[in-house]
Protein backbone atom coordinates (compact mmCIF):
# COMPACT_ATOMS: atom_id res chain seq x y z
CA MET A 1 107.54 76.76 85.52
CA ALA A 2 110.09 75.99 82.82
CA ALA A 3 109.37 72.87 80.84
CA MET A 4 112.66 72.56 79.04
CA LEU A 5 116.05 72.07 80.61
CA TRP A 6 119.25 71.96 78.69
CA LEU A 7 122.68 71.68 80.05
CA LEU A 8 126.26 70.85 79.45
CA ARG A 9 128.01 68.04 81.25
CA LEU A 10 131.75 67.87 81.69
CA VAL A 11 133.75 64.84 82.76
CA PRO A 12 136.89 65.97 83.59
CA GLY A 13 138.82 68.58 81.66
CA ALA A 14 137.71 71.84 80.14
CA ALA A 15 135.30 72.29 77.28
CA LEU A 16 134.37 75.18 75.01
CA PHE A 17 130.79 75.58 73.81
CA ALA A 18 128.96 77.66 71.25
CA LEU A 19 125.26 76.89 71.72
CA SER A 20 121.87 77.71 70.33
CA VAL A 21 118.45 76.29 71.08
CA LEU A 22 116.15 76.60 68.12
CA ALA A 23 112.45 76.66 68.83
CA PRO A 24 110.06 79.28 67.54
CA ALA A 25 111.27 82.58 69.06
CA GLN A 26 113.97 80.91 71.20
CA THR A 27 117.63 81.45 70.38
CA PHE A 28 120.40 81.50 72.98
CA ASP A 29 124.03 82.37 72.33
CA PHE A 30 126.94 84.00 74.14
CA ASP A 31 127.44 87.06 71.92
CA ARG A 32 125.45 89.33 74.25
CA ASP A 33 127.55 88.48 77.32
CA GLU A 34 130.76 90.19 78.41
CA VAL A 35 134.01 88.27 77.95
CA GLY A 36 135.08 86.85 81.32
CA SER A 37 131.57 86.81 82.78
CA THR A 38 129.28 83.89 83.55
CA PRO A 39 126.67 83.87 80.77
CA ALA A 40 123.36 85.47 81.76
CA GLY A 41 120.57 83.04 82.63
CA TRP A 42 122.82 80.06 83.38
CA PHE A 43 123.25 78.36 86.74
CA LEU A 44 125.97 76.06 88.03
CA PRO A 45 124.65 73.38 90.41
CA VAL A 46 128.09 72.10 91.51
CA PRO A 47 130.09 74.52 93.69
CA GLY A 48 133.50 75.43 92.27
CA THR A 49 132.43 75.04 88.63
CA GLU A 50 133.65 77.80 86.32
CA PHE A 51 131.64 78.81 83.24
CA THR A 52 132.82 81.97 81.50
CA VAL A 53 132.39 83.71 78.16
CA GLN A 54 135.44 84.10 75.98
CA ALA A 55 136.28 85.10 72.43
CA ASP A 56 136.32 82.14 70.08
CA GLY A 57 139.80 82.01 68.58
CA ASP A 58 138.48 79.82 65.75
CA GLY A 59 135.54 81.96 64.70
CA PRO A 60 133.91 85.39 64.70
CA GLY A 61 131.68 84.96 67.77
CA ARG A 62 131.98 84.12 71.43
CA CYS A 63 131.85 80.84 73.24
CA ALA A 64 131.74 79.77 76.88
CA ARG A 65 134.31 77.69 78.73
CA LEU A 66 133.14 75.12 81.27
CA HIS A 67 135.91 74.16 83.68
CA ARG A 68 135.98 71.90 86.74
CA GLY A 69 137.42 74.55 89.02
CA ALA A 70 137.81 73.77 92.73
CA GLY A 71 136.28 70.74 94.43
CA ALA A 72 136.28 66.99 94.04
CA ALA A 73 133.04 66.45 92.10
CA PRO A 74 133.94 64.56 88.91
CA VAL A 75 130.96 65.85 86.87
CA ARG A 76 130.22 69.55 86.35
CA ASN A 77 127.19 71.13 84.72
CA ALA A 78 126.13 74.47 83.34
CA MET A 79 122.34 74.65 82.99
CA ARG A 80 119.64 76.87 81.60
CA THR A 81 115.87 76.51 81.53
CA PHE A 82 113.28 78.22 79.40
CA GLU A 83 109.51 78.35 79.12
CA VAL A 84 108.02 76.21 76.38
CA ALA A 85 104.27 76.22 77.14
CA ALA A 86 103.65 77.96 73.80
CA HIS A 87 105.55 75.15 72.04
CA ARG A 88 103.69 72.11 73.37
CA GLY A 89 103.39 69.43 70.71
CA GLU A 90 106.26 70.93 68.66
CA GLN A 91 109.77 69.73 68.01
CA VAL A 92 112.70 71.73 69.33
CA THR A 93 116.31 71.45 68.31
CA LEU A 94 119.37 72.10 70.42
CA ARG A 95 122.48 72.77 68.37
CA ALA A 96 125.88 73.09 69.93
CA ARG A 97 129.44 73.46 68.76
CA VAL A 98 131.73 71.79 71.29
CA ARG A 99 135.34 70.85 71.84
CA VAL A 100 137.13 69.56 74.92
CA GLY A 101 140.60 69.80 76.37
CA LYS A 102 142.98 66.88 75.99
CA GLY A 103 141.58 63.86 77.85
CA GLY A 104 138.24 65.60 78.45
CA ARG A 105 134.69 64.50 77.74
CA ALA A 106 131.54 66.59 77.38
CA GLN A 107 127.87 65.88 76.79
CA VAL A 108 124.97 68.16 75.91
CA TRP A 109 121.55 67.39 77.44
CA LEU A 110 118.01 68.31 76.45
CA ARG A 111 115.07 67.44 78.71
CA VAL A 112 111.34 68.20 78.73
CA ASP A 113 109.54 68.16 82.10
CA ARG A 114 105.95 66.94 82.48
CA PRO A 115 103.40 67.05 85.32
CA GLY A 116 104.01 65.05 88.48
CA GLU A 117 107.80 65.28 88.09
CA GLN A 118 107.61 63.00 85.05
CA MET A 119 110.23 63.36 82.38
CA GLY A 120 109.23 63.79 78.77
CA PHE A 121 111.82 63.83 76.00
CA PHE A 122 115.37 63.30 77.25
CA ASP A 123 118.72 62.92 75.49
CA ASN A 124 122.03 63.33 77.31
CA MET A 125 124.36 62.10 74.55
CA GLN A 126 125.47 59.25 76.83
CA ASP A 127 126.02 57.10 73.74
CA ARG A 128 127.95 59.79 71.86
CA PRO A 129 130.05 61.99 74.16
CA ILE A 130 132.30 64.68 72.71
CA THR A 131 135.96 63.76 73.21
CA THR A 132 137.72 65.67 70.44
CA THR A 133 139.87 68.77 70.80
CA ASP A 134 138.52 69.93 67.41
CA TRP A 135 135.21 71.78 67.19
CA GLN A 136 132.35 69.33 66.68
CA ASP A 137 128.77 70.24 65.77
CA VAL A 138 126.12 68.30 67.71
CA GLU A 139 122.35 68.39 67.50
CA ILE A 140 119.52 67.04 69.64
CA THR A 141 115.92 67.18 68.41
CA GLY A 142 112.98 66.24 70.57
CA LEU A 143 109.25 66.66 71.00
CA VAL A 144 107.83 69.00 73.64
CA ALA A 145 105.06 66.94 75.27
CA THR A 146 101.54 68.31 74.89
CA ASP A 147 101.26 68.40 78.70
CA ALA A 148 104.73 69.92 79.33
CA GLU A 149 104.54 72.35 82.21
């Protein structure tokens, strides 16, 4: 079972992301994925959501674009989980580079799951959403609970 969940939240508009999760031996980015594809290992819980890899016009690497797509749901997510049992009791850091389309809003989330459907560390940037059309670096650091499952 994956103990760590991280995701992107979009309220409405389109957002571009360049992400990495830094924990011992855990780094995720979009440079291994084909342009135009949905990044490997990600899932989209809201039907109609679009999440595709594209070249970053402002840098040397790739990024992913999260877009509302079809449907009426106001909030869209792109999520990924990973196993952190080997990192119990350690801090992990999620770093992201994010920008949104005009009038858009995005948030990056980091959550640790514990036994009995309890939530451990959680930060969804509710108090500091990304609203700028310029690239912005964001970081979330949290403790992986010693009983994270």
